[in-house]
Amino acid sequence: MPVLRFHPHHGENIRLLEDRVVSFRESSFAHGISFSEKPLLPMEIFLIEIEKNERGWSGHLRIGLTQHDPNNYFGLPQYALPDLANMGMNKSWIFAVTKSHNRVYDENGIDNPKPYRSILGDGDFVLMYQGLFHRSILRALPRLQASDLADGSGLANHSPDSGYSEYSDDVLPTDVGSRIGILYMIKDDMAEMHFILNGEDQGPCAKDIPYKSGPLYAVVDVYGTTKQVRIIQLSCIGTLQNACRDSILKCIKKSCIGQLPIPKKLKQYLRYETA
């Protein structure tokens, strides 16, 4: 899989590091907007990890999707919310991360009589556009304590039998180590955006996104207490289905998929639509 990077067009207080994989806000609490280098495909997770926080500010990271093309190098506002979200008509869908209450569905609500079914599934492995990968890569890294460090090297000193886990359930969504993802899935003629927080699908935080109106870029606002984030590269096992779809789409325009003599479900798969 190609390496995911941030786009070179970003807020005036942002400095991109490590070949544009890390977004660092140098000063203030604003002007921290960054974009994905390329638009996302349906069911492609854009995953970041909070690497540094800075005390003294209020508010935290914002993340979402936008159809504002960073390749146009348009003037950027101070904030993703509400400024970027209010630029143009229905062109940005942005979510503010909080310490709690990030879930956007109610399993026991009147409007949802059935238990919510996560788009990540229930198993240890997750199948997305990028391929098959272990769910643990979506989860937060543990906060290391002084007793966990070996000889000051910064490496955790745990034996395989100590019960230590590679991920942590006690990291708050806004803490260092928290992993936050965004993706969209197609439903009929629209798309809905899902927010993934430390390995858990928080539900569709935006619906009726007109994905046919233009490419959807990930947008990250390194805002408030959030100081630095890193794009997490997913180590995936590619599927034969995805390889076949990629090969077919290299030979035919998406507008011609409807003319193919294949079953409806295969046409939906080629269009990245959910059956």
C-alpha atoms as a PDB file:
ATOM      1  CA  MET A   1       0.000   0.000   0.000  1.00  0.00           C
ATOM      2  CA  PRO A   2       1.255   3.534  -0.746  1.00  0.00           C
ATOM      3  CA  VAL A   3       2.279   5.661   2.235  1.00  0.00           C
ATOM      4  CA  LEU A   4      -0.409   8.100   3.392  1.00  0.00           C
ATOM      5  CA  ARG A   5       0.833  11.657   3.916  1.00  0.00           C
ATOM      6  CA  PHE A   6      -0.452  15.116   4.728  1.00  0.00           C
ATOM      7  CA  HIS A   7      -0.933  17.582   1.889  1.00  0.00           C
ATOM      8  CA  PRO A   8       1.668  20.399   1.663  1.00  0.00           C
ATOM      9  CA  HIS A   9      -1.168  22.965   1.915  1.00  0.00           C
ATOM     10  CA  HIS A  10      -1.858  23.538   5.614  1.00  0.00           C
ATOM     11  CA  GLY A  11      -2.502  26.136   8.311  1.00  0.00           C
ATOM     12  CA  GLU A  12       0.138  28.780   8.966  1.00  0.00           C
ATOM     13  CA  ASN A  13       1.077  27.349  12.383  1.00  0.00           C
ATOM     14  CA  ILE A  14       1.566  23.801  11.085  1.00  0.00           C
ATOM     15  CA  ARG A  15       4.940  22.257  10.326  1.00  0.00           C
ATOM     16  CA  LEU A  16       4.956  18.868   8.603  1.00  0.00           C
ATOM     17  CA  LEU A  17       7.647  16.424   9.731  1.00  0.00           C
ATOM     18  CA  GLU A  18       9.040  13.032   8.711  1.00  0.00           C
ATOM     19  CA  ASP A  19       8.182  13.299   5.033  1.00  0.00           C
ATOM     20  CA  ARG A  20       4.737  14.793   5.792  1.00  0.00           C
ATOM     21  CA  VAL A  21       3.558  11.928   7.993  1.00  0.00           C
ATOM     22  CA  VAL A  22       3.514  14.084  11.150  1.00  0.00           C
ATOM     23  CA  SER A  23       1.591  17.349  11.618  1.00  0.00           C
ATOM     24  CA  PHE A  24       2.954  19.617  14.382  1.00  0.00           C
ATOM     25  CA  ARG A  25       1.414  22.917  15.493  1.00  0.00           C
ATOM     26  CA  GLU A  26       4.314  25.203  16.322  1.00  0.00           C
ATOM     27  CA  SER A  27       2.497  27.977  18.203  1.00  0.00           C
ATOM     28  CA  SER A  28      -0.871  29.305  19.359  1.00  0.00           C
ATOM     29  CA  PHE A  29      -3.942  27.050  19.417  1.00  0.00           C
ATOM     30  CA  ALA A  30      -5.368  27.893  15.976  1.00  0.00           C
ATOM     31  CA  HIS A  31      -4.333  27.843  12.295  1.00  0.00           C
ATOM     32  CA  GLY A  32      -3.681  24.104  12.644  1.00  0.00           C
ATOM     33  CA  ILE A  33      -5.600  22.675   9.684  1.00  0.00           C
ATOM     34  CA  SER A  34      -4.061  19.793   7.701  1.00  0.00           C
ATOM     35  CA  PHE A  35      -5.419  17.663   4.846  1.00  0.00           C
ATOM     36  CA  SER A  36      -4.742  14.201   3.512  1.00  0.00           C
ATOM     37  CA  GLU A  37      -2.475  14.302   0.484  1.00  0.00           C
ATOM     38  CA  LYS A  38      -4.997  12.395  -1.617  1.00  0.00           C
ATOM     39  CA  PRO A  39      -8.782  11.995  -1.450  1.00  0.00           C
ATOM     40  CA  LEU A  40     -10.064   8.956   0.396  1.00  0.00           C
ATOM     41  CA  LEU A  41     -11.781   6.051  -1.287  1.00  0.00           C
ATOM     42  CA  PRO A  42     -14.962   4.514   0.152  1.00  0.00           C
ATOM     43  CA  MET A  43     -14.205   2.355   3.210  1.00  0.00           C
ATOM     44  CA  GLU A  44     -10.611   3.626   3.370  1.00  0.00           C
ATOM     45  CA  ILE A  45      -9.633   4.453   6.951  1.00  0.00           C
ATOM     46  CA  PHE A  46      -7.557   7.571   7.561  1.00  0.00           C
ATOM     47  CA  LEU A  47      -6.036   6.853  10.975  1.00  0.00           C
ATOM     48  CA  ILE A  48      -4.032   9.242  13.135  1.00  0.00           C
ATOM     49  CA  GLU A  49      -2.455   9.044  16.581  1.00  0.00           C
ATOM     50  CA  ILE A  50      -2.104  11.913  19.038  1.00  0.00           C
ATOM     51  CA  GLU A  51       1.609  12.184  19.828  1.00  0.00           C
ATOM     52  CA  LYS A  52       1.816  15.414  21.825  1.00  0.00           C
ATOM     53  CA  ASN A  53      -0.522  17.582  23.866  1.00  0.00           C
ATOM     54  CA  GLU A  54      -0.016  21.080  25.252  1.00  0.00           C
ATOM     55  CA  ARG A  55      -1.633  22.369  28.424  1.00  0.00           C
ATOM     56  CA  GLY A  56      -3.161  25.788  28.754  1.00  0.00           C
ATOM     57  CA  TRP A  57      -5.695  25.593  25.941  1.00  0.00           C
ATOM     58  CA  SER A  58      -9.316  24.494  25.761  1.00  0.00           C
ATOM     59  CA  GLY A  59     -10.734  22.179  23.119  1.00  0.00           C
ATOM     60  CA  HIS A  60      -9.149  19.280  21.299  1.00  0.00           C
ATOM     61  CA  LEU A  61      -8.548  17.720  17.901  1.00  0.00           C
ATOM     62  CA  ARG A  62     -11.147  18.046  15.131  1.00  0.00           C
ATOM     63  CA  ILE A  63     -11.335  15.571  12.255  1.00  0.00           C
ATOM     64  CA  GLY A  64     -13.590  14.913   9.286  1.00  0.00           C
ATOM     65  CA  LEU A  65     -14.008  15.100   5.530  1.00  0.00           C
ATOM     66  CA  THR A  66     -14.080  17.971   3.078  1.00  0.00           C
ATOM     67  CA  GLN A  67     -14.643  18.516  -0.625  1.00  0.00           C
ATOM     68  CA  HIS A  68     -12.513  21.657  -0.543  1.00  0.00           C
ATOM     69  CA  ASP A  69      -9.551  20.604  -2.701  1.00  0.00           C
ATOM     70  CA  PRO A  70      -6.204  21.470  -1.036  1.00  0.00           C
ATOM     71  CA  ASN A  71      -4.578  21.332  -4.477  1.00  0.00           C
ATOM     72  CA  ASN A  72      -6.263  24.694  -5.126  1.00  0.00           C
ATOM     73  CA  TYR A  73      -4.246  26.219  -2.271  1.00  0.00           C
ATOM     74  CA  PHE A  74      -7.238  28.260  -1.144  1.00  0.00           C
ATOM     75  CA  GLY A  75      -7.049  30.592   1.848  1.00  0.00           C
ATOM     76  CA  LEU A  76      -7.439  28.630   5.077  1.00  0.00           C
ATOM     77  CA  PRO A  77      -9.428  29.880   8.067  1.00  0.00           C
ATOM     78  CA  GLN A  78      -8.243  29.712  11.676  1.00  0.00           C
ATOM     79  CA  TYR A  79     -10.440  26.762  12.602  1.00  0.00           C
ATOM     80  CA  ALA A  80     -12.017  23.712  11.006  1.00  0.00           C
ATOM     81  CA  LEU A  81     -15.036  24.272  13.269  1.00  0.00           C
ATOM     82  CA  PRO A  82     -16.964  26.353  12.544  1.00  0.00           C
ATOM     83  CA  ASP A  83     -14.968  28.261   9.903  1.00  0.00           C
ATOM     84  CA  LEU A  84     -14.051  25.579   7.354  1.00  0.00           C
ATOM     85  CA  ALA A  85     -17.352  23.792   7.921  1.00  0.00           C
ATOM     86  CA  ASN A  86     -19.186  26.991   6.987  1.00  0.00           C
ATOM     87  CA  MET A  87     -17.197  27.658   3.803  1.00  0.00           C
ATOM     88  CA  GLY A  88     -19.421  26.849   0.840  1.00  0.00           C
ATOM     89  CA  MET A  89     -22.658  24.935   0.965  1.00  0.00           C
ATOM     90  CA  ASN A  90     -22.450  21.438   2.406  1.00  0.00           C
ATOM     91  CA  LYS A  91     -18.781  20.840   1.513  1.00  0.00           C
ATOM     92  CA  SER A  92     -17.250  19.830   4.883  1.00  0.00           C
ATOM     93  CA  TRP A  93     -18.262  17.388   7.620  1.00  0.00           C
ATOM     94  CA  ILE A  94     -16.111  17.792  10.722  1.00  0.00           C
ATOM     95  CA  PHE A  95     -16.294  16.161  14.158  1.00  0.00           C
ATOM     96  CA  ALA A  96     -14.907  17.577  17.432  1.00  0.00           C
ATOM     97  CA  VAL A  97     -13.185  14.957  19.586  1.00  0.00           C
ATOM     98  CA  THR A  98     -13.978  15.196  23.298  1.00  0.00           C
ATOM     99  CA  LYS A  99     -12.808  13.343  26.400  1.00  0.00           C
ATOM    100  CA  SER A 100     -16.132  11.478  26.468  1.00  0.00           C
ATOM    101  CA  HIS A 101     -19.523  11.285  24.750  1.00  0.00           C
ATOM    102  CA  ASN A 102     -18.122  10.760  21.249  1.00  0.00           C
ATOM    103  CA  ARG A 103     -20.578   8.014  20.335  1.00  0.00           C
ATOM    104  CA  VAL A 104     -23.205   9.299  17.946  1.00  0.00           C
ATOM    105  CA  TYR A 105     -25.717   6.465  18.141  1.00  0.00           C
ATOM    106  CA  ASP A 106     -27.974   5.242  20.922  1.00  0.00           C
ATOM    107  CA  GLU A 107     -28.238   1.474  21.051  1.00  0.00           C
ATOM    108  CA  ASN A 108     -31.319   1.624  23.242  1.00  0.00           C
ATOM    109  CA  GLY A 109     -32.955   4.640  21.664  1.00  0.00           C
ATOM    110  CA  ILE A 110     -36.451   4.675  20.222  1.00  0.00           C
ATOM    111  CA  ASP A 111     -35.053   5.293  16.731  1.00  0.00           C
ATOM    112  CA  ASN A 112     -32.687   2.321  17.040  1.00  0.00           C
ATOM    113  CA  PRO A 113     -34.653  -0.647  18.407  1.00  0.00           C
ATOM    114  CA  LYS A 114     -31.994  -3.062  17.136  1.00  0.00           C
ATOM    115  CA  PRO A 115     -28.425  -3.183  18.515  1.00  0.00           C
ATOM    116  CA  TYR A 116     -26.015  -1.098  16.464  1.00  0.00           C
ATOM    117  CA  ARG A 117     -23.901  -3.182  14.089  1.00  0.00           C
ATOM    118  CA  SER A 118     -20.357  -1.854  13.839  1.00  0.00           C
ATOM    119  CA  ILE A 119     -18.916  -1.454  10.346  1.00  0.00           C
ATOM    120  CA  LEU A 120     -15.703  -2.956  11.774  1.00  0.00           C
ATOM    121  CA  GLY A 121     -17.396  -6.224  12.618  1.00  0.00           C
ATOM    122  CA  ASP A 122     -16.884  -8.161  15.855  1.00  0.00           C
ATOM    123  CA  GLY A 123     -13.773 -10.229  15.100  1.00  0.00           C
ATOM    124  CA  ASP A 124     -10.081  -9.671  15.703  1.00  0.00           C
ATOM    125  CA  PHE A 125      -9.526  -8.782  12.045  1.00  0.00           C
ATOM    126  CA  VAL A 126     -11.050  -5.906  10.106  1.00  0.00           C
ATOM    127  CA  LEU A 127     -11.653  -5.852   6.351  1.00  0.00           C
ATOM    128  CA  MET A 128     -11.573  -2.403   4.765  1.00  0.00           C
ATOM    129  CA  TYR A 129     -10.553  -0.919   1.414  1.00  0.00           C
ATOM    130  CA  GLN A 130      -6.861  -1.219   2.320  1.00  0.00           C
ATOM    131  CA  GLY A 131      -7.252  -4.936   2.970  1.00  0.00           C
ATOM    132  CA  LEU A 132      -7.326  -7.165   6.035  1.00  0.00           C
ATOM    133  CA  PHE A 133      -5.614  -6.008   9.228  1.00  0.00           C
ATOM    134  CA  HIS A 134      -5.674  -6.773  12.949  1.00  0.00           C
ATOM    135  CA  ARG A 135      -8.074  -4.676  15.009  1.00  0.00           C
ATOM    136  CA  SER A 136      -5.349  -3.859  17.561  1.00  0.00           C
ATOM    137  CA  ILE A 137      -3.726  -1.382  15.164  1.00  0.00           C
ATOM    138  CA  LEU A 138      -6.793   0.841  15.612  1.00  0.00           C
ATOM    139  CA  ARG A 139      -6.488   0.864  19.385  1.00  0.00           C
ATOM    140  CA  ALA A 140      -4.699   3.286  21.693  1.00  0.00           C
ATOM    141  CA  LEU A 141      -1.141   2.754  22.776  1.00  0.00           C
ATOM    142  CA  PRO A 142      -0.624   2.447  26.545  1.00  0.00           C
ATOM    143  CA  ARG A 143       0.722   5.316  28.583  1.00  0.00           C
ATOM    144  CA  LEU A 144       4.130   4.199  29.841  1.00  0.00           C
ATOM    145  CA  GLN A 145       4.909   4.635  33.505  1.00  0.00           C
ATOM    146  CA  ALA A 146       8.413   5.125  34.934  1.00  0.00           C
ATOM    147  CA  SER A 147       8.374   1.540  36.191  1.00  0.00           C
ATOM    148  CA  ASP A 148       7.662   0.333  32.661  1.00  0.00           C
ATOM    149  CA  LEU A 149      10.868   1.750  31.208  1.00  0.00           C
ATOM    150  CA  ALA A 150      14.009  -0.304  30.869  1.00  0.00           C
ATOM    151  CA  ASP A 151      17.227   1.503  31.868  1.00  0.00           C
ATOM    152  CA  GLY A 152      15.935   4.829  30.621  1.00  0.00           C
ATOM    153  CA  SER A 153      15.858   3.585  27.050  1.00  0.00           C
ATOM    154  CA  GLY A 154      12.209   4.480  26.568  1.00  0.00           C
ATOM    155  CA  LEU A 155      11.311   0.842  25.823  1.00  0.00           C
ATOM    156  CA  ALA A 156       8.599  -0.908  27.750  1.00  0.00           C
ATOM    157  CA  ASN A 157       9.972  -3.671  29.953  1.00  0.00           C
ATOM    158  CA  HIS A 158       7.223  -6.306  29.956  1.00  0.00           C
ATOM    159  CA  SER A 159       7.552 -10.031  29.654  1.00  0.00           C
ATOM    160  CA  PRO A 160       5.161 -11.904  27.325  1.00  0.00           C
ATOM    161  CA  ASP A 161       3.541 -13.545  30.348  1.00  0.00           C
ATOM    162  CA  SER A 162       2.999 -10.379  32.380  1.00  0.00           C
ATOM    163  CA  GLY A 163      -0.510  -9.786  31.073  1.00  0.00           C
ATOM    164  CA  TYR A 164       0.655  -6.618  29.340  1.00  0.00           C
ATOM    165  CA  SER A 165      -1.399  -5.688  26.274  1.00  0.00           C
ATOM    166  CA  GLU A 166      -0.149  -3.967  23.137  1.00  0.00           C
ATOM    167  CA  TYR A 167      -3.048  -1.562  23.411  1.00  0.00           C
ATOM    168  CA  SER A 168      -4.834   0.196  26.249  1.00  0.00           C
ATOM    169  CA  ASP A 169      -8.466   0.717  27.181  1.00  0.00           C
ATOM    170  CA  ASP A 170      -7.782   3.443  29.763  1.00  0.00           C
ATOM    171  CA  VAL A 171      -6.524   6.101  27.335  1.00  0.00           C
ATOM    172  CA  LEU A 172      -8.998   8.948  26.932  1.00  0.00           C
ATOM    173  CA  PRO A 173      -9.899   9.958  23.355  1.00  0.00           C
ATOM    174  CA  THR A 174      -7.912  13.197  23.736  1.00  0.00           C
ATOM    175  CA  ASP A 175      -4.847  11.630  25.427  1.00  0.00           C
ATOM    176  CA  VAL A 176      -1.446  11.052  23.903  1.00  0.00           C
ATOM    177  CA  GLY A 177      -1.556   7.589  22.324  1.00  0.00           C
ATOM    178  CA  SER A 178      -5.212   7.813  21.316  1.00  0.00           C
ATOM    179  CA  ARG A 179      -5.910   6.630  17.765  1.00  0.00           C
ATOM    180  CA  ILE A 180      -8.671   8.288  15.792  1.00  0.00           C
ATOM    181  CA  GLY A 181      -9.900   7.310  12.350  1.00  0.00           C
ATOM    182  CA  ILE A 182     -12.345   8.606   9.797  1.00  0.00           C
ATOM    183  CA  LEU A 183     -13.919   6.867   6.799  1.00  0.00           C
ATOM    184  CA  TYR A 184     -17.017   6.999   4.652  1.00  0.00           C
ATOM    185  CA  MET A 185     -19.262   4.356   3.181  1.00  0.00           C
ATOM    186  CA  ILE A 186     -21.725   4.647   0.322  1.00  0.00           C
ATOM    187  CA  LYS A 187     -25.432   4.087   0.861  1.00  0.00           C
ATOM    188  CA  ASP A 188     -27.566   4.460  -2.240  1.00  0.00           C
ATOM    189  CA  ASP A 189     -26.652   7.808  -3.846  1.00  0.00           C
ATOM    190  CA  MET A 190     -25.127   9.343  -0.715  1.00  0.00           C
ATOM    191  CA  ALA A 191     -22.355   8.589   1.745  1.00  0.00           C
ATOM    192  CA  GLU A 192     -22.126   8.584   5.516  1.00  0.00           C
ATOM    193  CA  MET A 193     -19.028   9.355   7.563  1.00  0.00           C
ATOM    194  CA  HIS A 194     -17.991   7.081  10.408  1.00  0.00           C
ATOM    195  CA  PHE A 195     -15.764   8.034  13.294  1.00  0.00           C
ATOM    196  CA  ILE A 196     -13.439   5.324  14.674  1.00  0.00           C
ATOM    197  CA  LEU A 197     -12.093   5.880  18.169  1.00  0.00           C
ATOM    198  CA  ASN A 198      -9.468   3.510  19.604  1.00  0.00           C
ATOM    199  CA  GLY A 199     -10.821   0.549  17.689  1.00  0.00           C
ATOM    200  CA  GLU A 200     -14.525   1.258  18.213  1.00  0.00           C
ATOM    201  CA  ASP A 201     -16.964   2.481  15.588  1.00  0.00           C
ATOM    202  CA  GLN A 202     -18.759   5.488  17.072  1.00  0.00           C
ATOM    203  CA  GLY A 203     -21.448   5.404  14.412  1.00  0.00           C
ATOM    204  CA  PRO A 204     -22.332   7.628  11.447  1.00  0.00           C
ATOM    205  CA  CYS A 205     -21.515  11.171  12.572  1.00  0.00           C
ATOM    206  CA  ALA A 206     -22.621  12.617   9.226  1.00  0.00           C
ATOM    207  CA  LYS A 207     -25.113  11.335   6.669  1.00  0.00           C
ATOM    208  CA  ASP A 208     -26.332  12.329   3.204  1.00  0.00           C
ATOM    209  CA  ILE A 209     -22.857  13.359   2.029  1.00  0.00           C
ATOM    210  CA  PRO A 210     -23.006  14.053  -1.744  1.00  0.00           C
ATOM    211  CA  TYR A 211     -19.846  12.101  -2.535  1.00  0.00           C
ATOM    212  CA  LYS A 212     -20.483  12.355  -6.289  1.00  0.00           C
ATOM    213  CA  SER A 213     -20.068  16.140  -6.089  1.00  0.00           C
ATOM    214  CA  GLY A 214     -16.306  15.882  -5.634  1.00  0.00           C
ATOM    215  CA  PRO A 215     -13.433  13.973  -3.997  1.00  0.00           C
ATOM    216  CA  LEU A 216     -13.462  13.703  -0.209  1.00  0.00           C
ATOM    217  CA  TYR A 217     -10.228  14.623   1.596  1.00  0.00           C
ATOM    218  CA  ALA A 218      -9.554  13.927   5.246  1.00  0.00           C
ATOM    219  CA  VAL A 219      -9.172  17.128   7.248  1.00  0.00           C
ATOM    220  CA  VAL A 220      -7.440  17.297  10.647  1.00  0.00           C
ATOM    221  CA  ASP A 221      -7.397  20.399  12.830  1.00  0.00           C
ATOM    222  CA  VAL A 222      -4.518  20.159  15.323  1.00  0.00           C
ATOM    223  CA  TYR A 223      -6.474  22.396  17.658  1.00  0.00           C
ATOM    224  CA  GLY A 224      -6.403  23.392  21.320  1.00  0.00           C
ATOM    225  CA  THR A 225      -4.607  20.969  23.615  1.00  0.00           C
ATOM    226  CA  THR A 226      -3.679  18.680  20.705  1.00  0.00           C
ATOM    227  CA  LYS A 227      -0.130  19.585  19.620  1.00  0.00           C
ATOM    228  CA  GLN A 228       1.058  16.864  17.237  1.00  0.00           C
ATOM    229  CA  VAL A 229      -0.491  13.941  15.339  1.00  0.00           C
ATOM    230  CA  ARG A 230       0.910  11.159  13.186  1.00  0.00           C
ATOM    231  CA  ILE A 231      -0.702   9.237  10.338  1.00  0.00           C
ATOM    232  CA  ILE A 232      -0.740   5.526  11.171  1.00  0.00           C
ATOM    233  CA  GLN A 233       0.048   3.333   8.185  1.00  0.00           C
ATOM    234  CA  LEU A 234      -2.122   0.220   8.164  1.00  0.00           C
ATOM    235  CA  SER A 235      -0.255  -3.035   7.593  1.00  0.00           C
ATOM    236  CA  CYS A 236      -2.762  -4.940   5.509  1.00  0.00           C
ATOM    237  CA  ILE A 237      -3.116  -8.182   3.654  1.00  0.00           C
ATOM    238  CA  GLY A 238      -4.620  -7.319   0.278  1.00  0.00           C
ATOM    239  CA  THR A 239      -7.649  -9.309  -0.784  1.00  0.00           C
ATOM    240  CA  LEU A 240      -8.210 -10.975  -4.151  1.00  0.00           C
ATOM    241  CA  GLN A 241     -11.562  -9.171  -4.398  1.00  0.00           C
ATOM    242  CA  ASN A 242      -9.920  -5.757  -4.089  1.00  0.00           C
ATOM    243  CA  ALA A 243      -7.180  -6.697  -6.552  1.00  0.00           C
ATOM    244  CA  CYS A 244      -9.800  -7.787  -9.106  1.00  0.00           C
ATOM    245  CA  ARG A 245     -11.802  -4.597  -8.599  1.00  0.00           C
ATOM    246  CA  ASP A 246      -8.712  -2.425  -9.027  1.00  0.00           C
ATOM    247  CA  SER A 247      -7.829  -4.249 -12.256  1.00  0.00           C
ATOM    248  CA  ILE A 248     -11.351  -3.895 -13.667  1.00  0.00           C
ATOM    249  CA  LEU A 249     -11.535  -0.184 -12.830  1.00  0.00           C
ATOM    250  CA  LYS A 250      -8.268   0.407 -14.678  1.00  0.00           C
ATOM    251  CA  CYS A 251      -9.944  -0.849 -17.849  1.00  0.00           C
ATOM    252  CA  ILE A 252     -13.411   0.677 -17.607  1.00  0.00           C
ATOM    253  CA  LYS A 253     -14.931   3.990 -16.580  1.00  0.00           C
ATOM    254  CA  LYS A 254     -17.148   3.980 -13.494  1.00  0.00           C
ATOM    255  CA  SER A 255     -19.967   5.414 -15.598  1.00  0.00           C
ATOM    256  CA  CYS A 256     -19.921   2.249 -17.712  1.00  0.00           C
ATOM    257  CA  ILE A 257     -20.219  -0.222 -14.834  1.00  0.00           C
ATOM    258  CA  GLY A 258     -23.992  -0.386 -15.250  1.00  0.00           C
ATOM    259  CA  GLN A 259     -23.555  -1.787 -18.779  1.00  0.00           C
ATOM    260  CA  LEU A 260     -21.498  -4.782 -17.660  1.00  0.00           C
ATOM    261  CA  PRO A 261     -23.251  -8.185 -17.966  1.00  0.00           C
ATOM    262  CA  ILE A 262     -22.697  -9.042 -14.298  1.00  0.00           C
ATOM    263  CA  PRO A 263     -25.001  -9.409 -11.256  1.00  0.00           C
ATOM    264  CA  LYS A 264     -26.232  -6.324  -9.425  1.00  0.00           C
ATOM    265  CA  LYS A 265     -24.186  -7.098  -6.300  1.00  0.00           C
ATOM    266  CA  LEU A 266     -20.966  -7.137  -8.309  1.00  0.00           C
ATOM    267  CA  LYS A 267     -21.873  -3.784  -9.846  1.00  0.00           C
ATOM    268  CA  GLN A 268     -22.438  -2.427  -6.341  1.00  0.00           C
ATOM    269  CA  TYR A 269     -19.064  -3.774  -5.273  1.00  0.00           C
ATOM    270  CA  LEU A 270     -17.318  -2.111  -8.213  1.00  0.00           C
ATOM    271  CA  ARG A 271     -18.990   1.199  -7.244  1.00  0.00           C
ATOM    272  CA  TYR A 272     -17.962   0.746  -3.577  1.00  0.00           C
ATOM    273  CA  GLU A 273     -21.618   0.604  -2.632  1.00  0.00           C
ATOM    274  CA  THR A 274     -22.980  -1.447   0.246  1.00  0.00           C
ATOM    275  CA  ALA A 275     -25.387  -4.165  -0.759  1.00  0.00           C
END
